[in-house]
PDB file of N, CA and C in Angstrom:
ATOM      1  N   MET A   1      -2.112 -13.652  10.460  1.00  0.00           N
ATOM      2  CA  MET A   1      -2.676 -13.165   9.084  1.00  0.00           C
ATOM      3  C   MET A   1      -1.949 -11.795   8.942  1.00  0.00           C
ATOM      4  N   GLN A   2      -1.373 -11.670   7.788  1.00  0.00           N
ATOM      5  CA  GLN A   2      -0.768 -10.433   7.328  1.00  0.00           C
ATOM      6  C   GLN A   2      -1.777  -9.412   7.184  1.00  0.00           C
ATOM      7  N   LYS A   3      -1.265  -8.132   7.447  1.00  0.00           N
ATOM      8  CA  LYS A   3      -2.134  -7.086   7.153  1.00  0.00           C
ATOM      9  C   LYS A   3      -1.612  -6.059   6.139  1.00  0.00           C
ATOM     10  N   LEU A   4      -2.444  -5.718   5.121  1.00  0.00           N
ATOM     11  CA  LEU A   4      -2.140  -4.760   4.218  1.00  0.00           C
ATOM     12  C   LEU A   4      -2.600  -3.402   4.577  1.00  0.00           C
ATOM     13  N   GLY A   5      -1.684  -2.395   4.381  1.00  0.00           N
ATOM     14  CA  GLY A   5      -2.094  -0.996   4.799  1.00  0.00           C
ATOM     15  C   GLY A   5      -2.233  -0.342   3.245  1.00  0.00           C
ATOM     16  N   LEU A   6      -3.439   0.237   3.095  1.00  0.00           N
ATOM     17  CA  LEU A   6      -3.627   0.915   1.976  1.00  0.00           C
ATOM     18  C   LEU A   6      -3.891   2.299   2.201  1.00  0.00           C
ATOM     19  N   LEU A   7      -3.066   3.237   1.544  1.00  0.00           N
ATOM     20  CA  LEU A   7      -3.203   4.697   1.771  1.00  0.00           C
ATOM     21  C   LEU A   7      -4.083   5.126   0.528  1.00  0.00           C
ATOM     22  N   GLY A   8      -5.317   5.274   0.973  1.00  0.00           N
ATOM     23  CA  GLY A   8      -6.436   5.752  -0.104  1.00  0.00           C
ATOM     24  C   GLY A   8      -7.529   4.735  -0.033  1.00  0.00           C
ATOM     25  N   GLY A   9      -8.688   5.484   0.257  1.00  0.00           N
ATOM     26  CA  GLY A   9      -9.886   4.756   0.361  1.00  0.00           C
ATOM     27  C   GLY A   9     -11.008   5.113  -0.721  1.00  0.00           C
ATOM     28  N   GLY A  10     -10.524   5.614  -1.875  1.00  0.00           N
ATOM     29  CA  GLY A  10     -11.421   5.970  -2.910  1.00  0.00           C
ATOM     30  C   GLY A  10     -11.867   4.824  -3.687  1.00  0.00           C
ATOM     31  N   GLN A  11     -12.357   5.104  -4.952  1.00  0.00           N
ATOM     32  CA  GLN A  11     -12.876   3.921  -5.813  1.00  0.00           C
ATOM     33  C   GLN A  11     -11.837   2.861  -6.154  1.00  0.00           C
ATOM     34  N   LEU A  12     -10.585   3.281  -6.400  1.00  0.00           N
ATOM     35  CA  LEU A  12      -9.462   2.378  -6.798  1.00  0.00           C
ATOM     36  C   LEU A  12      -9.389   1.457  -5.441  1.00  0.00           C
ATOM     37  N   GLY A  13      -9.310   2.050  -4.252  1.00  0.00           N
ATOM     38  CA  GLY A  13      -8.967   1.492  -3.149  1.00  0.00           C
ATOM     39  C   GLY A  13     -10.124   0.397  -2.755  1.00  0.00           C
ATOM     40  N   LYS A  14     -11.344   0.714  -3.060  1.00  0.00           N
ATOM     41  CA  LYS A  14     -12.498   0.016  -2.853  1.00  0.00           C
ATOM     42  C   LYS A  14     -12.400  -1.347  -3.697  1.00  0.00           C
ATOM     43  N   MET A  15     -11.840  -1.248  -5.044  1.00  0.00           N
ATOM     44  CA  MET A  15     -11.655  -2.434  -5.802  1.00  0.00           C
ATOM     45  C   MET A  15     -10.595  -3.201  -5.322  1.00  0.00           C
ATOM     46  N   LEU A  16      -9.463  -2.767  -4.790  1.00  0.00           N
ATOM     47  CA  LEU A  16      -8.401  -3.448  -4.153  1.00  0.00           C
ATOM     48  C   LEU A  16      -8.990  -4.076  -2.979  1.00  0.00           C
ATOM     49  N   LEU A  17      -9.554  -3.375  -2.110  1.00  0.00           N
ATOM     50  CA  LEU A  17     -10.137  -3.931  -0.880  1.00  0.00           C
ATOM     51  C   LEU A  17     -10.933  -5.158  -1.093  1.00  0.00           C
ATOM     52  N   GLN A  18     -11.925  -4.932  -2.103  1.00  0.00           N
ATOM     53  CA  GLN A  18     -12.826  -6.142  -2.267  1.00  0.00           C
ATOM     54  C   GLN A  18     -12.134  -7.339  -2.789  1.00  0.00           C
ATOM     55  N   ALA A  19     -11.086  -7.130  -3.581  1.00  0.00           N
ATOM     56  CA  ALA A  19     -10.332  -8.335  -4.058  1.00  0.00           C
ATOM     57  C   ALA A  19      -9.489  -8.903  -2.901  1.00  0.00           C
ATOM     58  N   ALA A  20      -9.019  -8.139  -1.976  1.00  0.00           N
ATOM     59  CA  ALA A  20      -8.236  -8.596  -0.927  1.00  0.00           C
ATOM     60  C   ALA A  20      -9.126  -9.368  -0.059  1.00  0.00           C
ATOM     61  N   ILE A  21     -10.344  -8.852   0.224  1.00  0.00           N
ATOM     62  CA  ILE A  21     -11.263  -9.594   1.188  1.00  0.00           C
ATOM     63  C   ILE A  21     -11.642 -10.921   0.539  1.00  0.00           C
ATOM     64  N   ASP A  22     -11.692 -10.964  -0.759  1.00  0.00           N
ATOM     65  CA  ASP A  22     -11.924 -12.285  -1.480  1.00  0.00           C
ATOM     66  C   ASP A  22     -10.865 -13.259  -1.234  1.00  0.00           C
ATOM     67  N   LEU A  23      -9.546 -12.797  -0.975  1.00  0.00           N
ATOM     68  CA  LEU A  23      -8.388 -13.622  -0.650  1.00  0.00           C
ATOM     69  C   LEU A  23      -8.127 -13.670   0.699  1.00  0.00           C
ATOM     70  N   ASP A  24      -9.104 -13.339   1.535  1.00  0.00           N
ATOM     71  CA  ASP A  24      -8.847 -13.432   2.916  1.00  0.00           C
ATOM     72  C   ASP A  24      -7.602 -12.629   3.563  1.00  0.00           C
ATOM     73  N   ILE A  25      -7.332 -11.457   2.903  1.00  0.00           N
ATOM     74  CA  ILE A  25      -6.288 -10.610   3.425  1.00  0.00           C
ATOM     75  C   ILE A  25      -6.926  -9.527   4.190  1.00  0.00           C
ATOM     76  N   HIS A  26      -6.305  -9.224   5.493  1.00  0.00           N
ATOM     77  CA  HIS A  26      -6.931  -8.144   6.286  1.00  0.00           C
ATOM     78  C   HIS A  26      -6.492  -6.843   5.704  1.00  0.00           C
ATOM     79  N   VAL A  27      -7.223  -5.887   5.523  1.00  0.00           N
ATOM     80  CA  VAL A  27      -6.938  -4.720   4.968  1.00  0.00           C
ATOM     81  C   VAL A  27      -7.137  -3.537   5.972  1.00  0.00           C
ATOM     82  N   LYS A  28      -6.184  -2.478   6.179  1.00  0.00           N
ATOM     83  CA  LYS A  28      -6.466  -1.426   6.860  1.00  0.00           C
ATOM     84  C   LYS A  28      -6.235  -0.163   6.038  1.00  0.00           C
ATOM     85  N   ILE A  29      -7.161   0.628   5.951  1.00  0.00           N
ATOM     86  CA  ILE A  29      -7.322   1.762   5.150  1.00  0.00           C
ATOM     87  C   ILE A  29      -7.020   3.068   5.719  1.00  0.00           C
ATOM     88  N   LEU A  30      -6.299   3.993   5.121  1.00  0.00           N
ATOM     89  CA  LEU A  30      -6.121   5.548   5.685  1.00  0.00           C
ATOM     90  C   LEU A  30      -6.624   6.353   4.567  1.00  0.00           C
ATOM     91  N   ASP A  31      -7.505   7.286   5.034  1.00  0.00           N
ATOM     92  CA  ASP A  31      -8.030   8.150   4.112  1.00  0.00           C
ATOM     93  C   ASP A  31      -8.608   9.552   4.886  1.00  0.00           C
ATOM     94  N   PRO A  32      -8.357  10.623   4.349  1.00  0.00           N
ATOM     95  CA  PRO A  32      -8.805  11.904   5.137  1.00  0.00           C
ATOM     96  C   PRO A  32     -10.355  12.101   5.199  1.00  0.00           C
ATOM     97  N   ASP A  33     -11.038  11.202   4.267  1.00  0.00           N
ATOM     98  CA  ASP A  33     -12.557  11.527   4.159  1.00  0.00           C
ATOM     99  C   ASP A  33     -13.251  10.259   4.814  1.00  0.00           C
ATOM    100  N   ALA A  34     -13.869  10.621   6.018  1.00  0.00           N
ATOM    101  CA  ALA A  34     -14.664   9.584   6.734  1.00  0.00           C
ATOM    102  C   ALA A  34     -15.612   8.973   5.966  1.00  0.00           C
ATOM    103  N   ASP A  35     -16.180   9.651   4.867  1.00  0.00           N
ATOM    104  CA  ASP A  35     -17.208   8.985   4.099  1.00  0.00           C
ATOM    105  C   ASP A  35     -16.677   8.391   2.821  1.00  0.00           C
ATOM    106  N   ALA A  36     -15.344   8.090   2.572  1.00  0.00           N
ATOM    107  CA  ALA A  36     -14.616   7.551   1.539  1.00  0.00           C
ATOM    108  C   ALA A  36     -15.429   6.250   1.020  1.00  0.00           C
ATOM    109  N   PRO A  37     -15.299   5.766  -0.104  1.00  0.00           N
ATOM    110  CA  PRO A  37     -16.000   4.552  -0.461  1.00  0.00           C
ATOM    111  C   PRO A  37     -15.579   3.245   0.347  1.00  0.00           C
ATOM    112  N   CYS A  38     -14.521   3.274   0.808  1.00  0.00           N
ATOM    113  CA  CYS A  38     -13.910   2.151   1.585  1.00  0.00           C
ATOM    114  C   CYS A  38     -14.476   2.110   3.140  1.00  0.00           C
ATOM    115  N   ALA A  39     -14.919   3.209   3.590  1.00  0.00           N
ATOM    116  CA  ALA A  39     -15.109   3.431   4.913  1.00  0.00           C
ATOM    117  C   ALA A  39     -16.048   2.371   5.565  1.00  0.00           C
ATOM    118  N   LYS A  40     -17.122   2.000   4.792  1.00  0.00           N
ATOM    119  CA  LYS A  40     -18.184   1.054   5.428  1.00  0.00           C
ATOM    120  C   LYS A  40     -17.808  -0.368   5.346  1.00  0.00           C
ATOM    121  N   ILE A  41     -16.966  -0.650   4.328  1.00  0.00           N
ATOM    122  CA  ILE A  41     -16.550  -2.046   4.291  1.00  0.00           C
ATOM    123  C   ILE A  41     -15.162  -2.610   4.664  1.00  0.00           C
ATOM    124  N   ALA A  42     -14.393  -1.521   4.941  1.00  0.00           N
ATOM    125  CA  ALA A  42     -12.829  -2.003   5.332  1.00  0.00           C
ATOM    126  C   ALA A  42     -12.897  -2.584   6.865  1.00  0.00           C
ATOM    127  N   PRO A  43     -12.224  -3.770   7.068  1.00  0.00           N
ATOM    128  CA  PRO A  43     -12.219  -4.181   8.374  1.00  0.00           C
ATOM    129  C   PRO A  43     -11.570  -3.096   9.374  1.00  0.00           C
ATOM    130  N   GLU A  44     -10.764  -2.303   8.934  1.00  0.00           N
ATOM    131  CA  GLU A  44     -10.005  -1.101   9.635  1.00  0.00           C
ATOM    132  C   GLU A  44      -9.999   0.045   8.818  1.00  0.00           C
ATOM    133  N   PHE A  45     -10.506   1.154   9.227  1.00  0.00           N
ATOM    134  CA  PHE A  45     -10.549   2.417   8.526  1.00  0.00           C
ATOM    135  C   PHE A  45     -10.061   3.485   9.565  1.00  0.00           C
ATOM    136  N   VAL A  46      -9.024   4.300   9.009  1.00  0.00           N
ATOM    137  CA  VAL A  46      -8.469   5.229   9.823  1.00  0.00           C
ATOM    138  C   VAL A  46      -8.626   6.537   9.163  1.00  0.00           C
ATOM    139  N   VAL A  47      -9.068   7.553   9.817  1.00  0.00           N
ATOM    140  CA  VAL A  47      -9.212   8.911   9.246  1.00  0.00           C
ATOM    141  C   VAL A  47      -8.022   9.669   9.422  1.00  0.00           C
ATOM    142  N   GLY A  48      -7.325  10.228   8.394  1.00  0.00           N
ATOM    143  CA  GLY A  48      -6.079  10.950   8.561  1.00  0.00           C
ATOM    144  C   GLY A  48      -5.562  11.475   7.391  1.00  0.00           C
ATOM    145  N   SER A  49      -4.480  12.346   7.369  1.00  0.00           N
ATOM    146  CA  SER A  49      -4.001  12.904   6.305  1.00  0.00           C
ATOM    147  C   SER A  49      -2.705  12.066   5.723  1.00  0.00           C
ATOM    148  N   PHE A  50      -2.814  11.951   4.285  1.00  0.00           N
ATOM    149  CA  PHE A  50      -1.639  11.258   3.648  1.00  0.00           C
ATOM    150  C   PHE A  50      -0.400  12.046   3.798  1.00  0.00           C
ATOM    151  N   GLN A  51      -0.402  13.501   3.951  1.00  0.00           N
ATOM    152  CA  GLN A  51       0.730  14.056   3.756  1.00  0.00           C
ATOM    153  C   GLN A  51       1.529  14.214   5.305  1.00  0.00           C
ATOM    154  N   ASP A  52       0.716  13.900   6.226  1.00  0.00           N
ATOM    155  CA  ASP A  52       1.340  14.064   7.705  1.00  0.00           C
ATOM    156  C   ASP A  52       2.290  12.843   8.009  1.00  0.00           C
ATOM    157  N   PHE A  53       3.518  13.181   8.238  1.00  0.00           N
ATOM    158  CA  PHE A  53       4.481  12.158   8.462  1.00  0.00           C
ATOM    159  C   PHE A  53       3.967  11.260   9.667  1.00  0.00           C
ATOM    160  N   ASP A  54       3.584  11.873  10.863  1.00  0.00           N
ATOM    161  CA  ASP A  54       3.221  11.011  11.922  1.00  0.00           C
ATOM    162  C   ASP A  54       1.971  10.106  11.703  1.00  0.00           C
ATOM    163  N   THR A  55       1.052  10.664  11.013  1.00  0.00           N
ATOM    164  CA  THR A  55      -0.082   9.900  10.607  1.00  0.00           C
ATOM    165  C   THR A  55       0.204   8.599   9.685  1.00  0.00           C
ATOM    166  N   VAL A  56       0.968   8.864   8.748  1.00  0.00           N
ATOM    167  CA  VAL A  56       1.336   7.740   7.864  1.00  0.00           C
ATOM    168  C   VAL A  56       2.281   6.897   8.470  1.00  0.00           C
ATOM    169  N   TYR A  57       3.285   7.341   9.316  1.00  0.00           N
ATOM    170  CA  TYR A  57       4.144   6.367  10.025  1.00  0.00           C
ATOM    171  C   TYR A  57       3.404   5.555  11.047  1.00  0.00           C
ATOM    172  N   GLN A  58       2.618   6.128  11.756  1.00  0.00           N
ATOM    173  CA  GLN A  58       1.833   5.462  12.734  1.00  0.00           C
ATOM    174  C   GLN A  58       0.849   4.425  12.259  1.00  0.00           C
ATOM    175  N   PHE A  59       0.275   4.898  11.039  1.00  0.00           N
ATOM    176  CA  PHE A  59      -0.575   3.968  10.284  1.00  0.00           C
ATOM    177  C   PHE A  59       0.026   2.672   9.995  1.00  0.00           C
ATOM    178  N   GLY A  60       1.234   2.755   9.421  1.00  0.00           N
ATOM    179  CA  GLY A  60       2.066   1.604   8.889  1.00  0.00           C
ATOM    180  C   GLY A  60       2.627   0.616   9.886  1.00  0.00           C
ATOM    181  N   GLN A  61       2.677   1.214  11.216  1.00  0.00           N
ATOM    182  CA  GLN A  61       3.367   0.400  12.180  1.00  0.00           C
ATOM    183  C   GLN A  61       3.024  -1.051  12.198  1.00  0.00           C
ATOM    184  N   ASP A  62       1.691  -1.352  12.262  1.00  0.00           N
ATOM    185  CA  ASP A  62       1.243  -2.722  12.449  1.00  0.00           C
ATOM    186  C   ASP A  62       0.801  -3.452  10.980  1.00  0.00           C
ATOM    187  N   CYS A  63       1.374  -2.884   9.856  1.00  0.00           N
ATOM    188  CA  CYS A  63       1.157  -3.475   8.627  1.00  0.00           C
ATOM    189  C   CYS A  63       2.441  -4.199   8.048  1.00  0.00           C
ATOM    190  N   GLU A  64       2.273  -5.372   7.462  1.00  0.00           N
ATOM    191  CA  GLU A  64       3.415  -6.003   6.923  1.00  0.00           C
ATOM    192  C   GLU A  64       3.665  -5.468   5.593  1.00  0.00           C
ATOM    193  N   VAL A  65       2.762  -5.181   4.783  1.00  0.00           N
ATOM    194  CA  VAL A  65       2.800  -4.644   3.467  1.00  0.00           C
ATOM    195  C   VAL A  65       1.940  -3.300   3.380  1.00  0.00           C
ATOM    196  N   ILE A  66       2.590  -2.230   2.633  1.00  0.00           N
ATOM    197  CA  ILE A  66       1.851  -1.098   2.564  1.00  0.00           C
ATOM    198  C   ILE A  66       1.833  -0.576   1.117  1.00  0.00           C
ATOM    199  N   THR A  67       0.692  -0.186   0.624  1.00  0.00           N
ATOM    200  CA  THR A  67       0.653   0.195  -0.691  1.00  0.00           C
ATOM    201  C   THR A  67      -0.296   1.475  -0.823  1.00  0.00           C
ATOM    202  N   ILE A  68      -0.297   2.120  -1.985  1.00  0.00           N
ATOM    203  CA  ILE A  68      -0.914   3.472  -2.107  1.00  0.00           C
ATOM    204  C   ILE A  68      -2.001   3.466  -3.406  1.00  0.00           C
ATOM    205  N   GLU A  69      -2.908   4.084  -3.315  1.00  0.00           N
ATOM    206  CA  GLU A  69      -3.968   4.147  -4.381  1.00  0.00           C
ATOM    207  C   GLU A  69      -3.946   5.792  -4.810  1.00  0.00           C
ATOM    208  N   ILE A  70      -3.150   6.505  -4.375  1.00  0.00           N
ATOM    209  CA  ILE A  70      -3.161   8.090  -4.464  1.00  0.00           C
ATOM    210  C   ILE A  70      -1.601   8.451  -4.398  1.00  0.00           C
ATOM    211  N   GLU A  71      -1.290   9.417  -5.372  1.00  0.00           N
ATOM    212  CA  GLU A  71       0.019   9.755  -5.430  1.00  0.00           C
ATOM    213  C   GLU A  71       0.603  10.793  -4.391  1.00  0.00           C
ATOM    214  N   ASN A  72      -0.195  11.502  -3.965  1.00  0.00           N
ATOM    215  CA  ASN A  72       0.316  12.665  -2.897  1.00  0.00           C
ATOM    216  C   ASN A  72       0.296  12.216  -1.527  1.00  0.00           C
ATOM    217  N   VAL A  73       1.409  11.457  -1.162  1.00  0.00           N
ATOM    218  CA  VAL A  73       1.589  10.902   0.229  1.00  0.00           C
ATOM    219  C   VAL A  73       2.816  11.364   0.762  1.00  0.00           C
ATOM    220  N   ASN A  74       3.022  11.050   2.069  1.00  0.00           N
ATOM    221  CA  ASN A  74       4.348  11.576   2.781  1.00  0.00           C
ATOM    222  C   ASN A  74       5.392  10.451   2.534  1.00  0.00           C
ATOM    223  N   LEU A  75       6.373  10.596   1.658  1.00  0.00           N
ATOM    224  CA  LEU A  75       7.170   9.784   1.116  1.00  0.00           C
ATOM    225  C   LEU A  75       8.243   9.374   2.285  1.00  0.00           C
ATOM    226  N   GLU A  76       8.584  10.397   3.171  1.00  0.00           N
ATOM    227  CA  GLU A  76       9.517  10.246   4.090  1.00  0.00           C
ATOM    228  C   GLU A  76       8.995   9.111   5.186  1.00  0.00           C
ATOM    229  N   ALA A  77       7.797   9.230   5.450  1.00  0.00           N
ATOM    230  CA  ALA A  77       7.246   8.185   6.478  1.00  0.00           C
ATOM    231  C   ALA A  77       7.339   6.876   5.788  1.00  0.00           C
ATOM    232  N   LEU A  78       6.983   6.849   4.557  1.00  0.00           N
ATOM    233  CA  LEU A  78       7.135   5.500   3.865  1.00  0.00           C
ATOM    234  C   LEU A  78       8.538   4.936   3.656  1.00  0.00           C
ATOM    235  N   LYS A  79       9.410   5.818   3.406  1.00  0.00           N
ATOM    236  CA  LYS A  79      10.868   5.431   3.414  1.00  0.00           C
ATOM    237  C   LYS A  79      11.260   4.944   4.798  1.00  0.00           C
ATOM    238  N   LYS A  80      10.907   5.631   5.962  1.00  0.00           N
ATOM    239  CA  LYS A  80      11.200   5.114   7.228  1.00  0.00           C
ATOM    240  C   LYS A  80      10.531   3.699   7.513  1.00  0.00           C
ATOM    241  N   LEU A  81       9.519   3.623   7.073  1.00  0.00           N
ATOM    242  CA  LEU A  81       8.755   2.254   7.283  1.00  0.00           C
ATOM    243  C   LEU A  81       9.422   1.168   6.568  1.00  0.00           C
ATOM    244  N   GLN A  82       9.817   1.444   5.385  1.00  0.00           N
ATOM    245  CA  GLN A  82      10.621   0.556   4.552  1.00  0.00           C
ATOM    246  C   GLN A  82      11.725   0.305   5.163  1.00  0.00           C
ATOM    247  N   SER A  83      12.610   1.191   5.758  1.00  0.00           N
ATOM    248  CA  SER A  83      13.867   0.883   6.358  1.00  0.00           C
ATOM    249  C   SER A  83      13.676   0.180   7.636  1.00  0.00           C
ATOM    250  N   GLU A  84      12.579  -0.043   8.156  1.00  0.00           N
ATOM    251  CA  GLU A  84      12.227  -0.802   9.326  1.00  0.00           C
ATOM    252  C   GLU A  84      11.777  -2.215   9.033  1.00  0.00           C
ATOM    253  N   GLY A  85      11.805  -2.514   7.655  1.00  0.00           N
ATOM    254  CA  GLY A  85      11.286  -3.920   7.325  1.00  0.00           C
ATOM    255  C   GLY A  85      10.079  -4.060   6.624  1.00  0.00           C
ATOM    256  N   LYS A  86       9.226  -2.964   6.624  1.00  0.00           N
ATOM    257  CA  LYS A  86       7.917  -3.025   6.063  1.00  0.00           C
ATOM    258  C   LYS A  86       8.004  -2.943   4.433  1.00  0.00           C
ATOM    259  N   LYS A  87       7.257  -3.948   3.910  1.00  0.00           N
ATOM    260  CA  LYS A  87       7.308  -4.029   2.488  1.00  0.00           C
ATOM    261  C   LYS A  87       6.378  -2.792   1.935  1.00  0.00           C
ATOM    262  N   VAL A  88       6.965  -1.819   1.134  1.00  0.00           N
ATOM    263  CA  VAL A  88       6.188  -0.885   0.529  1.00  0.00           C
ATOM    264  C   VAL A  88       6.141  -0.860  -1.014  1.00  0.00           C
ATOM    265  N   PHE A  89       5.011  -0.811  -1.754  1.00  0.00           N
ATOM    266  CA  PHE A  89       4.873  -0.870  -2.951  1.00  0.00           C
ATOM    267  C   PHE A  89       3.936   0.281  -3.480  1.00  0.00           C
ATOM    268  N   PRO A  90       4.142   0.910  -4.537  1.00  0.00           N
ATOM    269  CA  PRO A  90       5.514   0.904  -5.067  1.00  0.00           C
ATOM    270  C   PRO A  90       6.526   1.602  -4.124  1.00  0.00           C
ATOM    271  N   GLN A  91       7.793   1.332  -4.322  1.00  0.00           N
ATOM    272  CA  GLN A  91       8.900   1.817  -3.416  1.00  0.00           C
ATOM    273  C   GLN A  91       8.882   3.201  -3.346  1.00  0.00           C
ATOM    274  N   PRO A  92       9.008   3.826  -2.136  1.00  0.00           N
ATOM    275  CA  PRO A  92       8.969   5.311  -1.995  1.00  0.00           C
ATOM    276  C   PRO A  92       9.965   6.178  -3.020  1.00  0.00           C
ATOM    277  N   GLU A  93      11.113   5.426  -3.274  1.00  0.00           N
ATOM    278  CA  GLU A  93      12.087   6.187  -4.203  1.00  0.00           C
ATOM    279  C   GLU A  93      11.607   6.203  -5.707  1.00  0.00           C
ATOM    280  N   VAL A  94      10.515   5.616  -5.973  1.00  0.00           N
ATOM    281  CA  VAL A  94      10.025   5.558  -7.391  1.00  0.00           C
ATOM    282  C   VAL A  94       9.350   6.823  -7.529  1.00  0.00           C
TER     283      VAL A  94
END
């Protein structure tokens, strides 16, 4: 089963998570707020900073696809993950 990594566990993330669960897609969420809307329903929920290179990079290591629901994320970590074959949407250079 492929794993979707989602940076952001807010309301938009919750809507995406619910749709992914309906499609039997495993989702892993990263959010700095332990009480984010996705926290209680996500199969995997990681508390950490979107801006920290190591946090974002390590988060994405076991995900095949990574997407974001928030704009202020560490682009260098996403670029490195993309260069290693991870599918990142939207692409970091956008």
